[in-house]
Structure formats: structure tokens, C-alpha cells
Protein backbone atom coordinates (compact mmCIF):
# COMPACT_ATOMS: atom_id res chain seq x y z
CA MET A 1 53.69 139.39 75.08
CA GLU A 2 52.85 135.69 75.25
CA LYS A 3 51.08 134.34 78.31
CA ARG A 4 54.11 132.30 79.44
CA PHE A 5 56.33 135.37 79.38
CA ARG A 6 53.74 137.39 81.31
CA PHE A 7 53.71 134.61 83.90
CA ARG A 8 57.53 134.61 84.11
CA HIS A 9 57.55 138.41 84.42
CA ALA A 10 54.98 138.38 87.24
CA ALA A 11 56.58 135.42 89.06
CA ASN A 12 60.00 137.07 89.06
CA ILE A 13 58.57 140.30 90.46
CA VAL A 14 56.63 138.48 93.20
CA ASN A 15 59.61 136.29 94.16
CA LEU A 16 61.73 139.49 94.35
CA SER A 17 64.40 138.29 91.91
CA THR A 18 63.69 140.99 89.31
CA PRO A 19 63.84 143.78 91.92
CA LEU A 20 67.16 142.27 93.09
CA GLY A 21 68.39 142.25 89.49
CA LEU A 22 67.42 145.91 89.08
CA LEU A 23 69.22 146.76 92.31
CA LEU A 24 72.36 144.97 91.06
CA ALA A 25 72.13 146.80 87.73
CA ALA A 26 71.88 150.17 89.47
CA ALA A 27 74.68 149.37 91.93
CA GLY A 28 76.85 148.11 89.07
CA GLY A 29 76.37 151.25 87.00
CA ALA A 30 74.48 149.51 84.20
CA SER A 31 71.99 151.26 81.96
CA THR A 32 68.74 149.38 81.44
CA ARG A 33 66.37 149.13 78.53
CA PRO A 34 63.41 146.89 77.70
CA GLY A 35 64.29 143.62 76.00
CA PRO A 36 62.28 140.90 74.31
CA ASP A 37 59.55 138.95 76.09
CA GLY A 38 59.53 141.05 79.25
CA LEU A 39 63.28 140.96 79.85
CA ILE A 40 65.21 143.99 81.03
CA LEU A 41 68.65 144.30 79.44
CA ALA A 42 71.31 145.99 81.58
CA PHE A 43 74.42 147.05 79.65
CA GLY A 44 77.70 148.37 81.05
CA TYR A 45 77.67 146.44 84.34
CA ARG A 46 81.02 147.35 85.97
CA PRO A 47 81.87 144.74 88.64
CA ARG A 48 84.08 141.85 87.48
CA PHE A 49 81.99 139.23 89.28
CA PRO A 50 80.51 136.96 88.11
CA VAL A 51 82.90 136.05 85.31
CA ALA A 52 80.51 135.55 82.40
CA ALA A 53 79.51 137.25 79.17
CA ALA A 54 76.17 137.94 80.83
CA PHE A 55 74.16 136.75 83.81
CA THR A 56 70.52 136.90 84.75
CA VAL A 57 68.75 137.73 88.01
CA GLY A 58 65.00 137.44 87.66
CA ASN A 59 64.08 139.08 84.36
CA VAL A 60 67.17 141.32 84.36
CA VAL A 61 70.03 140.33 82.05
CA LEU A 62 73.27 142.03 83.08
CA THR A 63 76.39 142.34 80.94
CA ARG A 64 79.58 144.39 80.88
CA ALA A 65 79.27 144.66 77.08
CA ASN A 66 77.36 147.26 75.06
CA VAL A 67 75.55 144.66 72.93
CA MET A 68 74.48 141.01 73.20
CA SER A 69 73.89 138.50 70.45
CA ASP A 70 70.39 137.16 69.93
CA ARG A 71 71.65 133.69 70.94
CA LEU A 72 73.03 134.99 74.23
CA VAL A 73 69.77 136.85 74.97
CA LEU A 74 67.84 133.62 74.26
CA HIS A 75 70.17 131.71 76.62
CA GLU A 76 69.69 134.30 79.36
CA ALA A 77 65.91 134.33 78.78
CA ARG A 78 65.90 130.63 79.65
CA HIS A 79 67.68 131.50 82.89
CA ALA A 80 64.94 134.05 83.63
CA THR A 81 62.43 131.20 83.33
CA GLN A 82 64.58 129.12 85.69
CA TRP A 83 64.44 131.94 88.24
CA ALA A 84 60.64 131.86 88.04
CA TRP A 85 60.47 128.06 88.45
CA CYS A 86 62.95 128.08 91.34
CA ALA A 87 60.80 130.69 93.13
CA GLY A 88 63.53 133.32 93.16
CA LEU A 89 66.33 133.25 95.69
CA PRO A 90 66.54 129.43 96.00
CA MET A 91 68.02 129.68 92.49
CA LEU A 92 71.30 131.01 93.96
CA PRO A 93 72.29 128.00 96.11
CA LEU A 94 70.92 125.57 93.51
CA TYR A 95 72.97 127.22 90.78
CA LEU A 96 76.08 127.25 93.00
CA LEU A 97 75.64 123.55 93.76
CA ALA A 98 75.22 122.76 90.04
CA THR A 99 78.38 124.76 89.30
CA LEU A 100 80.40 122.92 91.93
CA LEU A 101 79.19 119.55 90.65
CA SER A 102 80.12 120.51 87.10
CA VAL A 103 83.63 121.53 88.18
CA ALA A 104 83.96 118.28 90.12
CA VAL A 105 83.02 116.03 87.20
CA CYS A 106 84.67 117.84 84.29
CA GLY A 107 86.68 120.82 85.53
CA HIS A 108 84.45 123.49 83.97
CA GLN A 109 81.71 125.49 85.68
CA GLY A 110 79.18 125.23 82.86
CA SER A 111 79.67 122.01 80.92
CA TYR A 112 77.72 119.78 83.34
CA ASN A 113 75.78 122.50 85.15
CA VAL A 114 72.15 121.46 84.75
CA PHE A 115 71.00 125.10 84.55
CA GLU A 116 73.46 125.91 81.76
CA ARG A 117 72.62 122.72 79.88
CA LEU A 118 68.89 123.51 80.04
CA ALA A 119 69.58 127.08 78.90
CA GLY A 120 71.63 125.83 75.92
CA LEU A 121 75.38 125.52 76.38
CA GLU A 122 76.28 126.71 72.89
CA ASP A 123 73.93 129.71 73.07
CA GLY A 124 75.66 130.77 76.27
CA GLY A 125 79.14 130.23 74.83
CA TYR A 126 79.97 127.25 77.06
CA PRO A 127 82.10 124.32 75.85
CA ARG A 128 81.07 120.67 76.08
CA ARG A 129 83.90 119.22 78.15
CA PRO A 130 84.13 115.46 78.63
CA LEU A 131 83.83 113.92 82.06
CA TRP A 132 87.15 113.37 83.88
CA TRP A 133 86.86 109.58 83.74
CA ARG A 134 85.99 109.54 80.03
CA ARG A 135 89.10 111.41 78.91
CA SER A 136 91.93 109.54 77.29
CA ARG A 137 95.34 109.82 78.91
CA ARG A 138 96.58 111.90 75.96
CA THR A 139 93.94 114.64 76.42
CA SER A 140 94.24 114.92 80.22
């Protein structure tokens, strides 16, 4: 594993986000298996929240599905790096704030969410919605 991924792996253990992700996976009935670059993939997550194809807590990528595309895993891997840089739990309120701002400016939780943009909107399956004030009257 590359040095940067070893750093991310260690940082997310120390900041307790990966243990939290493993706890969520166990509580949600997901089965885990090793993924690329130190990720842990958790398939079969049962709860309906959050509403997303997948979500990441630390180095744990959780999904209700039985498989994930390589693009989605790459998108979620970028979120794992964000967890490391945000020092763990501060990621939650920062992500929530970014989501609320995105909804406020375009009506979609991901289109202008800085975390989703940095993780690659298309890789995560998010649309690129225009800002409210840039829409023509016909498309509103």
C-alpha cells in the first residue's frame, strides 16, 4: 500500500472515525471485506439513512448494495481522505454545513457540496445543478 494510503488508514484509526464506521457497519448488519488502498467495504447495510448509493465513515465504505462500481469506490476513497484531513468527527458538522449550503444555492444536497465536488460529483453519481439565480425562467 502506498505511503499516503497508510497515512490515511492510520489517521482514521487514531481519530476514531474508522472504528465508528466499523460500529455502524456491524449495527447496520453489513458484511465487511478488505477493499483497495486500505479501505474496508461494508455491503448489505440495512438502515435507510443516509440516502445515498454509499457513504464513508473513516476508511469504511458502507452501502446497501451487494457490489459497487470502481468509480463509486474511488469517489468514496476520496471521502476517506477527507475524514483523515478533517481529523475525524469534525467531518460530520462540516459535511452537514456543506450539504445545507448546497441545498440553499441550488436545491440539491451534492451539486455545490464542497466535499462531494472534491470527491468527484460524477464518480459519486451526483448531478451538476445550476445555481438558483443562474437558471432561466423556463427551467425553474
